[in-house]
């Protein structure tokens, strides 16, 4: 959903929220390597707070207006209700999904 070349952090959405299998593995300390493009690194991760996740999500939608109908359809299927892109539904989405930031560990 976002990549910051300065901090080298990539933010991704866990499609099934806290039930997402790979997120369980990350939280259990099993994330050995992340690939972003050609870059590989041992990751540090963080779960975004709701307010930050909502802002990031809104920014993602603004940057991707042309594919908004597809994004809304996919999100609606993932969350099990009609996502319409309003601020209220955006807040509900980020409460249901988890947004996770990955960046190289400080020692890398």
PDB file of N, CA and C in Angstrom:
ATOM      1  N   UNK A   1       0.813  -1.192   0.000  1.00  0.00           N
ATOM      2  CA  UNK A   1       0.000   0.000   0.000  1.00  0.00           C
ATOM      3  C   UNK A   1       0.863   1.265   0.000  1.00  0.00           C
ATOM      4  N   UNK A   2       2.067   1.135   0.561  1.00  0.00           N
ATOM      5  CA  UNK A   2       2.985   2.280   0.560  1.00  0.00           C
ATOM      6  C   UNK A   2       4.410   1.760   0.727  1.00  0.00           C
ATOM      7  N   UNK A   3       5.332   2.420   0.055  1.00  0.00           N
ATOM      8  CA  UNK A   3       6.749   2.151   0.268  1.00  0.00           C
ATOM      9  C   UNK A   3       7.439   3.482   0.481  1.00  0.00           C
ATOM     10  N   UNK A   4       8.215   3.591   1.559  1.00  0.00           N
ATOM     11  CA  UNK A   4       8.974   4.801   1.861  1.00  0.00           C
ATOM     12  C   UNK A   4      10.445   4.491   1.595  1.00  0.00           C
ATOM     13  N   UNK A   5      11.017   5.058   0.527  1.00  0.00           N
ATOM     14  CA  UNK A   5      12.401   4.736   0.187  1.00  0.00           C
ATOM     15  C   UNK A   5      13.417   5.242   1.215  1.00  0.00           C
ATOM     16  N   UNK A   6      13.064   6.238   2.004  1.00  0.00           N
ATOM     17  CA  UNK A   6      13.987   6.757   3.012  1.00  0.00           C
ATOM     18  C   UNK A   6      14.107   5.778   4.184  1.00  0.00           C
ATOM     19  N   UNK A   7      12.976   5.389   4.757  1.00  0.00           N
ATOM     20  CA  UNK A   7      13.006   4.444   5.889  1.00  0.00           C
ATOM     21  C   UNK A   7      13.078   2.997   5.413  1.00  0.00           C
ATOM     22  N   UNK A   8      12.817   2.801   4.109  1.00  0.00           N
ATOM     23  CA  UNK A   8      12.760   1.473   3.493  1.00  0.00           C
ATOM     24  C   UNK A   8      11.629   0.635   4.091  1.00  0.00           C
ATOM     25  N   UNK A   9      10.557   1.311   4.519  1.00  0.00           N
ATOM     26  CA  UNK A   9       9.414   0.605   5.077  1.00  0.00           C
ATOM     27  C   UNK A   9       8.344   0.398   4.013  1.00  0.00           C
ATOM     28  N   UNK A  10       7.852  -0.825   3.945  1.00  0.00           N
ATOM     29  CA  UNK A  10       6.725  -1.169   3.090  1.00  0.00           C
ATOM     30  C   UNK A  10       5.548  -1.504   3.993  1.00  0.00           C
ATOM     31  N   UNK A  11       4.398  -0.930   3.680  1.00  0.00           N
ATOM     32  CA  UNK A  11       3.185  -1.226   4.447  1.00  0.00           C
ATOM     33  C   UNK A  11       2.280  -2.077   3.573  1.00  0.00           C
ATOM     34  N   UNK A  12       1.828  -3.179   4.137  1.00  0.00           N
ATOM     35  CA  UNK A  12       0.947  -4.112   3.442  1.00  0.00           C
ATOM     36  C   UNK A  12      -0.277  -4.371   4.308  1.00  0.00           C
ATOM     37  N   UNK A  13      -1.330  -4.855   3.672  1.00  0.00           N
ATOM     38  CA  UNK A  13      -2.553  -5.192   4.397  1.00  0.00           C
ATOM     39  C   UNK A  13      -2.630  -6.708   4.558  1.00  0.00           C
ATOM     40  N   UNK A  14      -2.982  -7.131   5.757  1.00  0.00           N
ATOM     41  CA  UNK A  14      -3.240  -8.546   6.021  1.00  0.00           C
ATOM     42  C   UNK A  14      -4.715  -8.786   5.706  1.00  0.00           C
ATOM     43  N   UNK A  15      -4.977  -9.457   4.606  1.00  0.00           N
ATOM     44  CA  UNK A  15      -6.326  -9.588   4.068  1.00  0.00           C
ATOM     45  C   UNK A  15      -7.363 -10.202   4.982  1.00  0.00           C
ATOM     46  N   UNK A  16      -6.946 -11.027   5.910  1.00  0.00           N
ATOM     47  CA  UNK A  16      -7.892 -11.633   6.840  1.00  0.00           C
ATOM     48  C   UNK A  16      -7.651 -11.120   8.250  1.00  0.00           C
ATOM     49  N   UNK A  17      -7.095  -9.911   8.336  1.00  0.00           N
ATOM     50  CA  UNK A  17      -6.880  -9.297   9.641  1.00  0.00           C
ATOM     51  C   UNK A  17      -5.982 -10.143  10.525  1.00  0.00           C
ATOM     52  N   UNK A  18      -6.314 -10.210  11.787  1.00  0.00           N
ATOM     53  CA  UNK A  18      -5.495 -10.928  12.763  1.00  0.00           C
ATOM     54  C   UNK A  18      -5.508 -12.439  12.533  1.00  0.00           C
ATOM     55  N   UNK A  19      -6.378 -12.940  11.675  1.00  0.00           N
ATOM     56  CA  UNK A  19      -6.427 -14.381  11.372  1.00  0.00           C
ATOM     57  C   UNK A  19      -5.483 -14.771  10.239  1.00  0.00           C
ATOM     58  N   UNK A  20      -4.811 -13.801   9.640  1.00  0.00           N
ATOM     59  CA  UNK A  20      -3.930 -14.057   8.502  1.00  0.00           C
ATOM     60  C   UNK A  20      -2.745 -14.917   8.928  1.00  0.00           C
ATOM     61  N   UNK A  21      -2.544 -16.022   8.231  1.00  0.00           N
ATOM     62  CA  UNK A  21      -1.494 -16.971   8.596  1.00  0.00           C
ATOM     63  C   UNK A  21      -0.105 -16.360   8.627  1.00  0.00           C
ATOM     64  N   UNK A  22       0.264 -15.606   7.592  1.00  0.00           N
ATOM     65  CA  UNK A  22       1.621 -15.048   7.580  1.00  0.00           C
ATOM     66  C   UNK A  22       1.819 -14.048   8.709  1.00  0.00           C
ATOM     67  N   UNK A  23       0.763 -13.364   9.124  1.00  0.00           N
ATOM     68  CA  UNK A  23       0.881 -12.423  10.238  1.00  0.00           C
ATOM     69  C   UNK A  23       1.146 -13.167  11.545  1.00  0.00           C
ATOM     70  N   UNK A  24       0.502 -14.319  11.716  1.00  0.00           N
ATOM     71  CA  UNK A  24       0.794 -15.161  12.891  1.00  0.00           C
ATOM     72  C   UNK A  24       2.272 -15.547  12.909  1.00  0.00           C
ATOM     73  N   UNK A  25       2.795 -15.916  11.746  1.00  0.00           N
ATOM     74  CA  UNK A  25       4.205 -16.292  11.663  1.00  0.00           C
ATOM     75  C   UNK A  25       5.124 -15.112  11.994  1.00  0.00           C
ATOM     76  N   UNK A  26       4.795 -13.944  11.485  1.00  0.00           N
ATOM     77  CA  UNK A  26       5.597 -12.745  11.771  1.00  0.00           C
ATOM     78  C   UNK A  26       5.590 -12.470  13.266  1.00  0.00           C
ATOM     79  N   UNK A  27       4.414 -12.493  13.876  1.00  0.00           N
ATOM     80  CA  UNK A  27       4.303 -12.196  15.304  1.00  0.00           C
ATOM     81  C   UNK A  27       4.989 -13.250  16.172  1.00  0.00           C
ATOM     82  N   UNK A  28       5.121 -14.461  15.652  1.00  0.00           N
ATOM     83  CA  UNK A  28       5.804 -15.526  16.382  1.00  0.00           C
ATOM     84  C   UNK A  28       7.319 -15.472  16.194  1.00  0.00           C
ATOM     85  N   UNK A  29       7.792 -14.463  15.463  1.00  0.00           N
ATOM     86  CA  UNK A  29       9.229 -14.320  15.245  1.00  0.00           C
ATOM     87  C   UNK A  29       9.772 -15.173  14.129  1.00  0.00           C
ATOM     88  N   UNK A  30       8.902 -15.642  13.254  1.00  0.00           N
ATOM     89  CA  UNK A  30       9.324 -16.544  12.188  1.00  0.00           C
ATOM     90  C   UNK A  30       9.595 -15.842  10.855  1.00  0.00           C
ATOM     91  N   UNK A  31       9.536 -14.522  10.837  1.00  0.00           N
ATOM     92  CA  UNK A  31       9.819 -13.785   9.593  1.00  0.00           C
ATOM     93  C   UNK A  31      11.324 -13.719   9.412  1.00  0.00           C
ATOM     94  N   UNK A  32      11.840 -14.540   8.544  1.00  0.00           N
ATOM     95  CA  UNK A  32      13.287 -14.619   8.326  1.00  0.00           C
ATOM     96  C   UNK A  32      13.771 -13.680   7.231  1.00  0.00           C
ATOM     97  N   UNK A  33      12.893 -13.421   6.257  1.00  0.00           N
ATOM     98  CA  UNK A  33      13.313 -12.602   5.133  1.00  0.00           C
ATOM     99  C   UNK A  33      12.088 -11.998   4.451  1.00  0.00           C
ATOM    100  N   UNK A  34      12.226 -10.745   4.046  1.00  0.00           N
ATOM    101  CA  UNK A  34      11.203 -10.059   3.261  1.00  0.00           C
ATOM    102  C   UNK A  34      11.854  -9.633   1.951  1.00  0.00           C
ATOM    103  N   UNK A  35      11.105  -9.762   0.876  1.00  0.00           N
ATOM    104  CA  UNK A  35      11.564  -9.315  -0.431  1.00  0.00           C
ATOM    105  C   UNK A  35      10.703  -8.147  -0.868  1.00  0.00           C
ATOM    106  N   UNK A  36      11.330  -7.054  -1.243  1.00  0.00           N
ATOM    107  CA  UNK A  36      10.641  -5.910  -1.835  1.00  0.00           C
ATOM    108  C   UNK A  36      11.407  -5.585  -3.098  1.00  0.00           C
ATOM    109  N   UNK A  37      10.813  -5.918  -4.210  1.00  0.00           N
ATOM    110  CA  UNK A  37      11.525  -5.781  -5.472  1.00  0.00           C
ATOM    111  C   UNK A  37      12.741  -6.692  -5.457  1.00  0.00           C
ATOM    112  N   UNK A  38      13.898  -6.132  -5.685  1.00  0.00           N
ATOM    113  CA  UNK A  38      15.138  -6.922  -5.672  1.00  0.00           C
ATOM    114  C   UNK A  38      15.803  -6.940  -4.304  1.00  0.00           C
ATOM    115  N   UNK A  39      15.276  -6.156  -3.387  1.00  0.00           N
ATOM    116  CA  UNK A  39      15.879  -6.055  -2.051  1.00  0.00           C
ATOM    117  C   UNK A  39      15.349  -7.162  -1.131  1.00  0.00           C
ATOM    118  N   UNK A  40      16.266  -7.770  -0.398  1.00  0.00           N
ATOM    119  CA  UNK A  40      15.913  -8.784   0.596  1.00  0.00           C
ATOM    120  C   UNK A  40      16.501  -8.361   1.925  1.00  0.00           C
ATOM    121  N   UNK A  41      15.751  -8.562   3.005  1.00  0.00           N
ATOM    122  CA  UNK A  41      16.259  -8.203   4.319  1.00  0.00           C
ATOM    123  C   UNK A  41      15.527  -8.961   5.415  1.00  0.00           C
ATOM    124  N   UNK A  42      16.179  -9.047   6.569  1.00  0.00           N
ATOM    125  CA  UNK A  42      15.542  -9.581   7.766  1.00  0.00           C
ATOM    126  C   UNK A  42      14.689  -8.445   8.316  1.00  0.00           C
ATOM    127  N   UNK A  43      13.387  -8.687   8.503  1.00  0.00           N
ATOM    128  CA  UNK A  43      12.506  -7.562   8.815  1.00  0.00           C
ATOM    129  C   UNK A  43      12.303  -7.288  10.304  1.00  0.00           C
ATOM    130  N   UNK A  44      12.099  -6.032  10.564  1.00  0.00           N
ATOM    131  CA  UNK A  44      11.442  -5.574  11.784  1.00  0.00           C
ATOM    132  C   UNK A  44      10.032  -5.244  11.312  1.00  0.00           C
ATOM    133  N   UNK A  45       9.047  -5.362  12.171  1.00  0.00           N
ATOM    134  CA  UNK A  45       7.688  -5.066  11.738  1.00  0.00           C
ATOM    135  C   UNK A  45       6.969  -4.267  12.807  1.00  0.00           C
ATOM    136  N   UNK A  46       5.873  -3.665  12.381  1.00  0.00           N
ATOM    137  CA  UNK A  46       4.987  -2.982  13.318  1.00  0.00           C
ATOM    138  C   UNK A  46       3.576  -3.039  12.769  1.00  0.00           C
ATOM    139  N   UNK A  47       2.612  -3.093  13.663  1.00  0.00           N
ATOM    140  CA  UNK A  47       1.210  -2.986  13.284  1.00  0.00           C
ATOM    141  C   UNK A  47       0.838  -1.511  13.376  1.00  0.00           C
ATOM    142  N   UNK A  48       0.260  -0.977  12.327  1.00  0.00           N
ATOM    143  CA  UNK A  48      -0.104   0.434  12.327  1.00  0.00           C
ATOM    144  C   UNK A  48      -1.287   0.675  13.254  1.00  0.00           C
ATOM    145  N   UNK A  49      -1.229   1.787  13.971  1.00  0.00           N
ATOM    146  CA  UNK A  49      -2.361   2.219  14.789  1.00  0.00           C
ATOM    147  C   UNK A  49      -3.514   2.594  13.851  1.00  0.00           C
ATOM    148  N   UNK A  50      -4.732   2.563  14.361  1.00  0.00           N
ATOM    149  CA  UNK A  50      -5.910   2.784  13.519  1.00  0.00           C
ATOM    150  C   UNK A  50      -5.897   4.126  12.799  1.00  0.00           C
ATOM    151  N   UNK A  51      -5.544   5.192  13.490  1.00  0.00           N
ATOM    152  CA  UNK A  51      -5.560   6.508  12.840  1.00  0.00           C
ATOM    153  C   UNK A  51      -4.559   6.583  11.691  1.00  0.00           C
ATOM    154  N   UNK A  52      -3.352   6.063  11.910  1.00  0.00           N
ATOM    155  CA  UNK A  52      -2.353   6.051  10.845  1.00  0.00           C
ATOM    156  C   UNK A  52      -2.797   5.159   9.697  1.00  0.00           C
ATOM    157  N   UNK A  53      -3.362   4.003  10.025  1.00  0.00           N
ATOM    158  CA  UNK A  53      -3.835   3.073   8.997  1.00  0.00           C
ATOM    159  C   UNK A  53      -4.934   3.716   8.153  1.00  0.00           C
ATOM    160  N   UNK A  54      -5.834   4.441   8.800  1.00  0.00           N
ATOM    161  CA  UNK A  54      -6.917   5.098   8.078  1.00  0.00           C
ATOM    162  C   UNK A  54      -6.375   6.175   7.137  1.00  0.00           C
ATOM    163  N   UNK A  55      -5.418   6.978   7.600  1.00  0.00           N
ATOM    164  CA  UNK A  55      -4.810   8.006   6.749  1.00  0.00           C
ATOM    165  C   UNK A  55      -4.077   7.372   5.566  1.00  0.00           C
ATOM    166  N   UNK A  56      -3.318   6.323   5.836  1.00  0.00           N
ATOM    167  CA  UNK A  56      -2.585   5.647   4.773  1.00  0.00           C
ATOM    168  C   UNK A  56      -3.545   5.060   3.748  1.00  0.00           C
ATOM    169  N   UNK A  57      -4.625   4.468   4.233  1.00  0.00           N
ATOM    170  CA  UNK A  57      -5.623   3.865   3.352  1.00  0.00           C
ATOM    171  C   UNK A  57      -6.269   4.927   2.473  1.00  0.00           C
ATOM    172  N   UNK A  58      -6.612   6.075   3.054  1.00  0.00           N
ATOM    173  CA  UNK A  58      -7.208   7.170   2.284  1.00  0.00           C
ATOM    174  C   UNK A  58      -6.229   7.661   1.220  1.00  0.00           C
ATOM    175  N   UNK A  59      -4.956   7.774   1.584  1.00  0.00           N
ATOM    176  CA  UNK A  59      -3.936   8.194   0.634  1.00  0.00           C
ATOM    177  C   UNK A  59      -3.803   7.180  -0.502  1.00  0.00           C
ATOM    178  N   UNK A  60      -3.830   5.896  -0.170  1.00  0.00           N
ATOM    179  CA  UNK A  60      -3.764   4.835  -1.184  1.00  0.00           C
ATOM    180  C   UNK A  60      -4.926   4.976  -2.172  1.00  0.00           C
ATOM    181  N   UNK A  61      -6.105   5.213  -1.648  1.00  0.00           N
ATOM    182  CA  UNK A  61      -7.270   5.360  -2.529  1.00  0.00           C
ATOM    183  C   UNK A  61      -7.150   6.600  -3.425  1.00  0.00           C
ATOM    184  N   UNK A  62      -6.643   7.700  -2.880  1.00  0.00           N
ATOM    185  CA  UNK A  62      -6.454   8.910  -3.697  1.00  0.00           C
ATOM    186  C   UNK A  62      -5.451   8.660  -4.820  1.00  0.00           C
ATOM    187  N   UNK A  63      -4.378   7.941  -4.513  1.00  0.00           N
ATOM    188  CA  UNK A  63      -3.340   7.682  -5.521  1.00  0.00           C
ATOM    189  C   UNK A  63      -3.786   6.665  -6.560  1.00  0.00           C
ATOM    190  N   UNK A  64      -4.816   5.899  -6.272  1.00  0.00           N
ATOM    191  CA  UNK A  64      -5.244   4.814  -7.165  1.00  0.00           C
ATOM    192  C   UNK A  64      -6.706   4.953  -7.570  1.00  0.00           C
ATOM    193  N   UNK A  65      -7.116   6.160  -7.895  1.00  0.00           N
ATOM    194  CA  UNK A  65      -8.523   6.429  -8.235  1.00  0.00           C
ATOM    195  C   UNK A  65      -9.031   5.584  -9.397  1.00  0.00           C
ATOM    196  N   UNK A  66      -8.178   5.336 -10.377  1.00  0.00           N
ATOM    197  CA  UNK A  66      -8.631   4.600 -11.562  1.00  0.00           C
ATOM    198  C   UNK A  66      -9.036   3.166 -11.257  1.00  0.00           C
ATOM    199  N   UNK A  67      -8.421   2.579 -10.265  1.00  0.00           N
ATOM    200  CA  UNK A  67      -8.764   1.190  -9.941  1.00  0.00           C
ATOM    201  C   UNK A  67      -9.669   1.097  -8.712  1.00  0.00           C
ATOM    202  N   UNK A  68     -10.221   2.227  -8.277  1.00  0.00           N
ATOM    203  CA  UNK A  68     -11.076   2.254  -7.080  1.00  0.00           C
ATOM    204  C   UNK A  68     -12.217   1.238  -7.140  1.00  0.00           C
ATOM    205  N   UNK A  69     -12.920   1.085  -8.262  1.00  0.00           N
ATOM    206  CA  UNK A  69     -14.001   0.090  -8.280  1.00  0.00           C
ATOM    207  C   UNK A  69     -13.499  -1.336  -8.027  1.00  0.00           C
ATOM    208  N   UNK A  70     -12.331  -1.642  -8.539  1.00  0.00           N
ATOM    209  CA  UNK A  70     -11.761  -2.980  -8.320  1.00  0.00           C
ATOM    210  C   UNK A  70     -11.355  -3.140  -6.862  1.00  0.00           C
ATOM    211  N   UNK A  71     -10.681  -2.121  -6.319  1.00  0.00           N
ATOM    212  CA  UNK A  71     -10.260  -2.163  -4.912  1.00  0.00           C
ATOM    213  C   UNK A  71     -11.472  -2.336  -4.006  1.00  0.00           C
ATOM    214  N   UNK A  72     -12.531  -1.587  -4.262  1.00  0.00           N
ATOM    215  CA  UNK A  72     -13.734  -1.680  -3.435  1.00  0.00           C
ATOM    216  C   UNK A  72     -14.380  -3.048  -3.538  1.00  0.00           C
ATOM    217  N   UNK A  73     -14.416  -3.619  -4.740  1.00  0.00           N
ATOM    218  CA  UNK A  73     -15.006  -4.949  -4.911  1.00  0.00           C
ATOM    219  C   UNK A  73     -14.202  -6.014  -4.168  1.00  0.00           C
ATOM    220  N   UNK A  74     -12.878  -5.939  -4.285  1.00  0.00           N
ATOM    221  CA  UNK A  74     -12.020  -6.917  -3.608  1.00  0.00           C
ATOM    222  C   UNK A  74     -12.146  -6.770  -2.095  1.00  0.00           C
ATOM    223  N   UNK A  75     -12.092  -5.544  -1.618  1.00  0.00           N
ATOM    224  CA  UNK A  75     -12.231  -5.318  -0.177  1.00  0.00           C
ATOM    225  C   UNK A  75     -13.586  -5.792   0.330  1.00  0.00           C
ATOM    226  N   UNK A  76     -14.629  -5.549  -0.420  1.00  0.00           N
ATOM    227  CA  UNK A  76     -15.961  -5.993  -0.013  1.00  0.00           C
ATOM    228  C   UNK A  76     -15.996  -7.506   0.167  1.00  0.00           C
ATOM    229  N   UNK A  77     -15.365  -8.213  -0.737  1.00  0.00           N
ATOM    230  CA  UNK A  77     -15.314  -9.683  -0.609  1.00  0.00           C
ATOM    231  C   UNK A  77     -14.489 -10.104   0.588  1.00  0.00           C
ATOM    232  N   UNK A  78     -13.359  -9.437   0.815  1.00  0.00           N
ATOM    233  CA  UNK A  78     -12.496  -9.790   1.943  1.00  0.00           C
ATOM    234  C   UNK A  78     -13.175  -9.576   3.285  1.00  0.00           C
ATOM    235  N   UNK A  79     -13.829  -8.431   3.444  1.00  0.00           N
ATOM    236  CA  UNK A  79     -14.391  -8.086   4.740  1.00  0.00           C
ATOM    237  C   UNK A  79     -15.800  -8.614   4.949  1.00  0.00           C
ATOM    238  N   UNK A  80     -16.472  -9.015   3.863  1.00  0.00           N
ATOM    239  CA  UNK A  80     -17.801  -9.610   3.998  1.00  0.00           C
ATOM    240  C   UNK A  80     -18.942  -8.608   4.073  1.00  0.00           C
ATOM    241  N   UNK A  81     -18.692  -7.373   3.698  1.00  0.00           N
ATOM    242  CA  UNK A  81     -19.733  -6.346   3.637  1.00  0.00           C
ATOM    243  C   UNK A  81     -19.333  -5.348   2.555  1.00  0.00           C
ATOM    244  N   UNK A  82     -20.278  -4.516   2.117  1.00  0.00           N
ATOM    245  CA  UNK A  82     -20.020  -3.598   0.997  1.00  0.00           C
ATOM    246  C   UNK A  82     -19.169  -2.417   1.446  1.00  0.00           C
ATOM    247  N   UNK A  83     -17.959  -2.385   0.944  1.00  0.00           N
ATOM    248  CA  UNK A  83     -17.066  -1.257   1.194  1.00  0.00           C
ATOM    249  C   UNK A  83     -17.346  -0.199   0.139  1.00  0.00           C
ATOM    250  N   UNK A  84     -17.712   1.012   0.583  1.00  0.00           N
ATOM    251  CA  UNK A  84     -18.105   2.056  -0.368  1.00  0.00           C
ATOM    252  C   UNK A  84     -17.137   3.232  -0.452  1.00  0.00           C
ATOM    253  N   UNK A  85     -16.033   3.182   0.296  1.00  0.00           N
ATOM    254  CA  UNK A  85     -15.034   4.235   0.206  1.00  0.00           C
ATOM    255  C   UNK A  85     -15.302   5.457   1.063  1.00  0.00           C
ATOM    256  N   UNK A  86     -16.384   5.453   1.836  1.00  0.00           N
ATOM    257  CA  UNK A  86     -16.650   6.580   2.727  1.00  0.00           C
ATOM    258  C   UNK A  86     -15.691   6.515   3.918  1.00  0.00           C
ATOM    259  N   UNK A  87     -15.587   7.635   4.624  1.00  0.00           N
ATOM    260  CA  UNK A  87     -14.703   7.666   5.792  1.00  0.00           C
ATOM    261  C   UNK A  87     -15.132   6.639   6.834  1.00  0.00           C
ATOM    262  N   UNK A  88     -16.426   6.491   7.040  1.00  0.00           N
ATOM    263  CA  UNK A  88     -16.930   5.522   8.027  1.00  0.00           C
ATOM    264  C   UNK A  88     -16.581   4.093   7.621  1.00  0.00           C
ATOM    265  N   UNK A  89     -16.747   3.772   6.343  1.00  0.00           N
ATOM    266  CA  UNK A  89     -16.427   2.399   5.920  1.00  0.00           C
ATOM    267  C   UNK A  89     -14.920   2.177   5.891  1.00  0.00           C
ATOM    268  N   UNK A  90     -14.148   3.231   5.592  1.00  0.00           N
ATOM    269  CA  UNK A  90     -12.684   3.120   5.624  1.00  0.00           C
ATOM    270  C   UNK A  90     -12.226   2.806   7.041  1.00  0.00           C
ATOM    271  N   UNK A  91     -12.796   3.483   8.025  1.00  0.00           N
ATOM    272  CA  UNK A  91     -12.440   3.223   9.426  1.00  0.00           C
ATOM    273  C   UNK A  91     -12.783   1.785   9.793  1.00  0.00           C
ATOM    274  N   UNK A  92     -13.941   1.337   9.347  1.00  0.00           N
ATOM    275  CA  UNK A  92     -14.361  -0.041   9.639  1.00  0.00           C
ATOM    276  C   UNK A  92     -13.404  -1.053   8.999  1.00  0.00           C
ATOM    277  N   UNK A  93     -12.951  -0.770   7.783  1.00  0.00           N
ATOM    278  CA  UNK A  93     -12.006  -1.670   7.106  1.00  0.00           C
ATOM    279  C   UNK A  93     -10.701  -1.767   7.889  1.00  0.00           C
ATOM    280  N   UNK A  94     -10.138  -0.633   8.290  1.00  0.00           N
ATOM    281  CA  UNK A  94      -8.850  -0.694   8.984  1.00  0.00           C
ATOM    282  C   UNK A  94      -8.992  -1.274  10.389  1.00  0.00           C
ATOM    283  N   UNK A  95     -10.188  -1.237  10.948  1.00  0.00           N
ATOM    284  CA  UNK A  95     -10.417  -1.925  12.219  1.00  0.00           C
ATOM    285  C   UNK A  95     -10.443  -3.437  12.010  1.00  0.00           C
ATOM    286  N   UNK A  96     -10.918  -3.862  10.841  1.00  0.00           N
ATOM    287  CA  UNK A  96     -11.059  -5.291  10.555  1.00  0.00           C
ATOM    288  C   UNK A  96      -9.775  -5.905   9.988  1.00  0.00           C
ATOM    289  N   UNK A  97      -9.098  -5.177   9.117  1.00  0.00           N
ATOM    290  CA  UNK A  97      -7.843  -5.658   8.534  1.00  0.00           C
ATOM    291  C   UNK A  97      -6.685  -5.145   9.380  1.00  0.00           C
ATOM    292  N   UNK A  98      -5.538  -5.729   9.231  1.00  0.00           N
ATOM    293  CA  UNK A  98      -4.329  -5.228   9.898  1.00  0.00           C
ATOM    294  C   UNK A  98      -3.386  -4.692   8.837  1.00  0.00           C
ATOM    295  N   UNK A  99      -2.878  -3.493   9.060  1.00  0.00           N
ATOM    296  CA  UNK A  99      -1.849  -2.938   8.191  1.00  0.00           C
ATOM    297  C   UNK A  99      -0.519  -3.095   8.909  1.00  0.00           C
ATOM    298  N   UNK A 100       0.436  -3.670   8.193  1.00  0.00           N
ATOM    299  CA  UNK A 100       1.708  -4.046   8.785  1.00  0.00           C
ATOM    300  C   UNK A 100       2.834  -3.356   8.025  1.00  0.00           C
ATOM    301  N   UNK A 101       3.733  -2.728   8.768  1.00  0.00           N
ATOM    302  CA  UNK A 101       4.904  -2.099   8.180  1.00  0.00           C
ATOM    303  C   UNK A 101       6.119  -2.981   8.365  1.00  0.00           C
ATOM    304  N   UNK A 102       6.853  -3.222   7.280  1.00  0.00           N
ATOM    305  CA  UNK A 102       8.092  -3.998   7.318  1.00  0.00           C
ATOM    306  C   UNK A 102       9.240  -3.085   6.909  1.00  0.00           C
ATOM    307  N   UNK A 103      10.335  -3.168   7.634  1.00  0.00           N
ATOM    308  CA  UNK A 103      11.556  -2.454   7.257  1.00  0.00           C
ATOM    309  C   UNK A 103      12.741  -3.306   7.700  1.00  0.00           C
ATOM    310  N   UNK A 104      13.916  -3.046   7.149  1.00  0.00           N
ATOM    311  CA  UNK A 104      15.085  -3.821   7.585  1.00  0.00           C
ATOM    312  C   UNK A 104      15.349  -3.596   9.084  1.00  0.00           C
ATOM    313  N   UNK A 105      15.747  -4.647   9.743  1.00  0.00           N
ATOM    314  CA  UNK A 105      16.159  -4.512  11.145  1.00  0.00           C
ATOM    315  C   UNK A 105      17.299  -3.534  11.231  1.00  0.00           C
ATOM    316  N   UNK A 106      17.408  -2.864  12.355  1.00  0.00           N
ATOM    317  CA  UNK A 106      18.441  -1.831  12.530  1.00  0.00           C
ATOM    318  C   UNK A 106      19.849  -2.387  12.316  1.00  0.00           C
ATOM    319  N   UNK A 107      20.062  -3.654  12.608  1.00  0.00           N
ATOM    320  CA  UNK A 107      21.395  -4.235  12.466  1.00  0.00           C
ATOM    321  C   UNK A 107      21.753  -4.584  11.026  1.00  0.00           C
ATOM    322  N   UNK A 108      20.770  -4.540  10.114  1.00  0.00           N
ATOM    323  CA  UNK A 108      21.023  -4.923   8.716  1.00  0.00           C
ATOM    324  C   UNK A 108      21.604  -3.774   7.921  1.00  0.00           C
TER     325      UNK A 108
END
